[in-house]
Amino acid sequence: MAAPKTFTVIADHFRQRILSGDLEPGTKLPTNREISGQWQVAAATVSRALQALQVEGFIRTTPRGTFVADDPRVGLSGRDRLARVQRVKSILADGETSRVTAAELVVPPLYVAELFDLDPGDQVVRREWIAGRGQSRTTFAVTWYPAQFAALVPDLLSTAPGKNAGLTARVVEASGRTISHAREDMHARQADAREASALGLSVGSPILAGAHRWSDDAGVVEYGEWCLPPRFTIGYEYGI
């Protein structure tokens, strides 16, 4: 029996087609009924998938139908991944894609082990990835998850193309956890050798570095560290 398809699977499918250029800006998507029939899912599942893509800025809905946005956006910073879960503020970065350079179960450094409240020798999932736009590298990041999430979401241990987008949403859905607390810290400093190599910079170049920690009452769901190259602008929208 085929596994049931969740709204995240459908959203990932259309997201990757848009990012790859297979669905160009202005392309009209099939109707909700057509997608429901093609994927053999309930109409509510399709509505959730398209609503997520609309929040992320990939599509727009009009009385004439649903279309790929003229300026599709994907942000791969920590705040954008949280937006996919909670539909809150996001860092906007046009046309970014990501390449995962490492995905493994490891015994983490002590400070990471303390964040996840681990016993000595316990493992976590460690994912290292680089985001870019065209030939430019825009983000170098490492994200960490509790080891038990790897059994729930096997893509956490995958470096295959297209497996990085939407992971947090899938983790939350599969684990039943809810991100209720978030903290993000940023500071400007000089790039070390590893960061400089990943971003294509000289050692000592100025970067904006940061870390995010998302958790609920049961503990940390995701911890991440990232850095951005010079002359890269991030922005937030918020209510007053």
Protein backbone atom coordinates (compact mmCIF):
# COMPACT_ATOMS: atom_id res chain seq x y z
CA MET A 1 0.00 0.00 0.00
CA ALA A 2 1.38 3.42 -0.94
CA ALA A 3 2.22 5.77 1.90
CA PRO A 4 -0.28 8.64 2.38
CA LYS A 5 0.91 11.92 0.90
CA THR A 6 0.96 14.85 3.29
CA PHE A 7 0.65 18.49 2.38
CA THR A 8 4.42 18.94 2.88
CA VAL A 9 5.17 16.39 0.13
CA ILE A 10 2.93 18.26 -2.32
CA ALA A 11 4.36 21.63 -1.29
CA ASP A 12 7.92 20.30 -1.71
CA HIS A 13 7.04 18.99 -5.19
CA PHE A 14 5.83 22.36 -6.47
CA ARG A 15 8.53 24.29 -4.61
CA GLN A 16 11.29 22.32 -6.31
CA ARG A 17 9.66 22.65 -9.75
CA ILE A 18 9.54 26.42 -9.26
CA LEU A 19 13.13 26.62 -8.01
CA SER A 20 14.41 24.49 -10.89
CA GLY A 21 12.69 26.72 -13.45
CA ASP A 22 10.39 23.92 -14.60
CA LEU A 23 7.49 26.16 -13.57
CA GLU A 24 8.30 29.69 -14.71
CA PRO A 25 6.92 32.92 -13.20
CA GLY A 26 3.34 33.45 -14.35
CA THR A 27 2.69 29.75 -15.01
CA LYS A 28 -0.83 28.73 -14.01
CA LEU A 29 -1.00 25.78 -11.62
CA PRO A 30 -3.62 23.02 -11.93
CA THR A 31 -6.83 23.60 -10.01
CA ASN A 32 -7.15 22.30 -6.46
CA ARG A 33 -9.49 19.60 -7.75
CA GLU A 34 -7.00 18.54 -10.43
CA ILE A 35 -4.12 18.38 -7.92
CA SER A 36 -6.33 16.44 -5.52
CA GLY A 37 -7.09 13.91 -8.25
CA GLN A 38 -3.48 13.64 -9.44
CA TRP A 39 -2.13 13.06 -5.92
CA GLN A 40 -5.13 11.09 -4.62
CA VAL A 41 -5.47 13.27 -1.53
CA ALA A 42 -8.24 15.24 0.11
CA ALA A 43 -8.96 18.78 -1.02
CA ALA A 44 -7.98 20.05 2.44
CA THR A 45 -4.48 18.60 1.99
CA VAL A 46 -4.05 20.46 -1.30
CA SER A 47 -5.31 23.69 0.26
CA ARG A 48 -2.74 23.41 3.07
CA ALA A 49 0.09 22.80 0.59
CA LEU A 50 -0.82 25.78 -1.59
CA GLN A 51 -1.37 27.99 1.43
CA ALA A 52 2.17 27.19 2.62
CA LEU A 53 3.61 28.04 -0.82
CA GLN A 54 1.67 31.29 -0.88
CA VAL A 55 3.02 32.30 2.54
CA GLU A 56 6.56 31.54 1.32
CA GLY A 57 6.01 33.79 -1.71
CA PHE A 58 6.18 31.08 -4.39
CA ILE A 59 2.65 31.44 -5.73
CA ARG A 60 -0.17 33.98 -5.91
CA THR A 61 -3.90 33.34 -6.02
CA THR A 62 -6.33 35.39 -8.11
CA PRO A 63 -9.97 34.95 -9.17
CA ARG A 64 -8.56 33.44 -12.40
CA GLY A 65 -6.57 30.76 -10.60
CA THR A 66 -3.24 30.10 -8.90
CA PHE A 67 -0.01 31.21 -10.56
CA VAL A 68 3.73 31.01 -9.92
CA ALA A 69 4.71 34.36 -8.42
CA ASP A 70 6.44 36.85 -10.71
CA ASP A 71 9.27 37.06 -8.19
CA PRO A 72 9.34 33.68 -6.40
CA ARG A 73 11.30 33.81 -3.18
CA VAL A 74 12.96 31.29 -1.00
CA GLY A 75 14.98 32.12 2.07
CA LEU A 76 17.20 29.50 3.62
CA SER A 77 18.11 31.33 6.74
CA GLY A 78 16.86 30.08 10.06
CA ARG A 79 14.07 32.62 10.28
CA ASP A 80 12.62 31.56 6.91
CA ARG A 81 12.45 27.91 7.90
CA LEU A 82 10.56 28.93 11.02
CA ALA A 83 8.19 30.95 8.82
CA ARG A 84 7.28 27.76 7.01
CA VAL A 85 6.22 26.28 10.32
CA GLN A 86 4.61 29.23 12.07
CA ARG A 87 4.00 31.69 9.20
CA VAL A 88 5.79 34.53 10.84
CA LYS A 89 8.40 37.09 9.72
CA SER A 90 11.03 35.96 7.22
CA ILE A 91 14.34 36.96 5.70
CA LEU A 92 13.76 37.42 1.99
CA ALA A 93 16.34 36.15 -0.48
CA ASP A 94 15.45 35.89 -4.15
CA GLY A 95 16.09 32.67 -6.06
CA GLU A 96 18.27 30.89 -3.50
CA THR A 97 19.03 27.18 -3.67
CA SER A 98 21.06 25.07 -1.27
CA ARG A 99 23.66 22.29 -1.44
CA VAL A 100 24.06 19.97 1.55
CA THR A 101 27.71 19.12 2.13
CA ALA A 102 27.28 16.86 5.18
CA ALA A 103 24.40 15.03 6.88
CA GLU A 104 25.29 12.59 9.64
CA LEU A 105 24.78 11.36 13.17
CA VAL A 106 27.62 12.63 15.36
CA VAL A 107 28.60 13.16 18.96
CA PRO A 108 28.33 16.94 19.14
CA PRO A 109 30.60 19.53 20.77
CA LEU A 110 29.93 20.03 24.46
CA TYR A 111 28.02 23.29 24.03
CA VAL A 112 25.63 21.65 21.54
CA ALA A 113 25.20 18.63 23.81
CA GLU A 114 24.28 20.98 26.64
CA LEU A 115 21.71 22.78 24.49
CA PHE A 116 20.00 19.46 23.73
CA ASP A 117 20.46 18.22 27.32
CA LEU A 118 22.34 15.10 26.17
CA ASP A 119 24.26 12.55 28.16
CA PRO A 120 27.97 12.01 27.33
CA GLY A 121 28.30 10.08 24.08
CA ASP A 122 24.76 10.78 22.85
CA GLN A 123 24.44 11.69 19.20
CA VAL A 124 22.59 14.36 17.23
CA VAL A 125 21.88 14.93 13.56
CA ARG A 126 24.32 17.43 12.03
CA ARG A 127 23.58 19.00 8.62
CA GLU A 128 26.04 21.35 6.92
CA TRP A 129 24.95 23.27 3.84
CA ILE A 130 25.74 26.20 1.56
CA ALA A 131 23.09 28.39 -0.05
CA GLY A 132 23.63 30.41 -3.18
CA ARG A 133 22.08 32.55 -5.84
CA GLY A 134 23.55 32.00 -9.30
CA GLN A 135 27.33 31.86 -8.90
CA SER A 136 27.25 33.71 -5.55
CA ARG A 137 27.32 31.97 -2.18
CA THR A 138 24.96 33.63 0.23
CA THR A 139 24.90 31.45 3.36
CA PHE A 140 27.03 28.84 5.10
CA ALA A 141 25.18 27.01 7.85
CA VAL A 142 25.17 24.04 10.19
CA THR A 143 21.91 22.81 11.72
CA TRP A 144 21.47 20.27 14.50
CA TYR A 145 18.47 18.08 15.44
CA PRO A 146 17.77 15.43 18.10
CA ALA A 147 18.95 12.03 16.85
CA GLN A 148 15.51 10.41 17.14
CA PHE A 149 14.17 12.72 14.44
CA ALA A 150 16.30 10.90 11.84
CA ALA A 151 14.03 7.85 12.09
CA LEU A 152 10.95 10.03 11.63
CA VAL A 153 12.38 12.12 8.76
CA PRO A 154 15.07 10.10 6.92
CA ASP A 155 15.89 13.09 4.69
CA LEU A 156 17.70 14.60 7.69
CA LEU A 157 20.56 12.25 6.81
CA SER A 158 20.39 12.87 3.07
CA THR A 159 22.70 15.09 1.02
CA ALA A 160 20.67 14.60 -2.16
CA PRO A 161 19.61 17.74 -4.06
CA GLY A 162 16.24 19.11 -3.07
CA LYS A 163 16.18 17.48 0.37
CA ASN A 164 16.98 20.62 2.37
CA ALA A 165 13.83 22.65 1.80
CA GLY A 166 10.99 22.27 4.27
CA LEU A 167 12.82 19.95 6.67
CA THR A 168 11.77 21.79 9.80
CA ALA A 169 8.12 21.61 8.79
CA ARG A 170 8.45 17.86 8.22
CA VAL A 171 10.22 17.37 11.55
CA VAL A 172 7.48 19.24 13.40
CA GLU A 173 4.73 17.31 11.61
CA ALA A 174 6.34 13.89 12.09
CA SER A 175 7.36 14.40 15.71
CA GLY A 176 4.22 16.15 16.90
CA ARG A 177 6.38 18.86 18.43
CA THR A 178 5.40 22.54 18.29
CA ILE A 179 7.98 25.32 18.15
CA SER A 180 6.83 27.71 20.85
CA HIS A 181 10.09 29.43 21.79
CA ALA A 182 12.63 30.98 19.42
CA ARG A 183 15.85 32.91 19.89
CA GLU A 184 18.20 34.28 17.25
CA ASP A 185 21.51 36.03 17.92
CA MET A 186 23.66 37.85 15.36
CA HIS A 187 27.04 39.51 15.44
CA ALA A 188 29.59 40.83 12.94
CA ARG A 189 33.10 39.35 12.97
CA GLN A 190 35.86 38.01 10.73
CA ALA A 191 35.51 34.73 8.84
CA ASP A 192 37.61 31.79 9.97
CA ALA A 193 39.21 29.41 7.47
CA ARG A 194 36.22 27.04 7.24
CA GLU A 195 33.69 29.84 6.80
CA ALA A 196 35.86 31.67 4.28
CA SER A 197 36.30 28.53 2.19
CA ALA A 198 32.56 27.80 2.18
CA LEU A 199 31.63 31.35 1.16
CA GLY A 200 34.49 31.85 -1.30
CA LEU A 201 36.07 34.62 0.78
CA SER A 202 39.54 35.40 2.10
CA VAL A 203 40.22 34.39 5.69
CA GLY A 204 39.47 37.37 7.91
CA SER A 205 36.81 38.84 5.62
CA PRO A 206 33.92 40.51 7.44
CA ILE A 207 30.81 38.37 7.85
CA LEU A 208 27.52 38.49 9.70
CA ALA A 209 27.29 35.39 11.89
CA GLY A 210 24.36 34.14 13.88
CA ALA A 211 22.71 31.27 15.68
CA HIS A 212 19.09 30.31 16.17
CA ARG A 213 17.49 28.02 18.73
CA TRP A 214 13.91 26.78 18.34
CA SER A 215 12.30 24.79 21.11
CA ASP A 216 9.16 23.82 22.97
CA ASP A 217 8.55 22.73 26.54
CA ALA A 218 10.11 19.33 25.75
CA GLY A 219 13.43 20.85 24.68
CA VAL A 220 15.30 22.07 21.59
CA VAL A 221 13.80 21.06 18.24
CA GLU A 222 16.47 22.69 16.05
CA TYR A 223 19.69 24.61 16.67
CA GLY A 224 21.56 26.27 13.85
CA GLU A 225 24.64 28.41 13.20
CA TRP A 226 25.04 30.42 10.00
CA CYS A 227 27.07 33.21 8.43
CA LEU A 228 26.54 35.62 5.54
CA PRO A 229 29.13 37.31 3.29
CA PRO A 230 29.67 41.09 3.04
CA ARG A 231 27.23 43.31 1.13
CA PHE A 232 24.34 40.93 1.78
CA THR A 233 21.15 42.58 2.99
CA ILE A 234 18.55 40.92 5.19
CA GLY A 235 15.23 42.44 6.08
CA TYR A 236 12.26 41.80 8.33
CA GLU A 237 8.63 42.84 8.15
CA TYR A 238 6.77 43.32 11.41
CA GLY A 239 3.70 45.01 12.80
CA ILE A 240 3.87 48.14 14.91
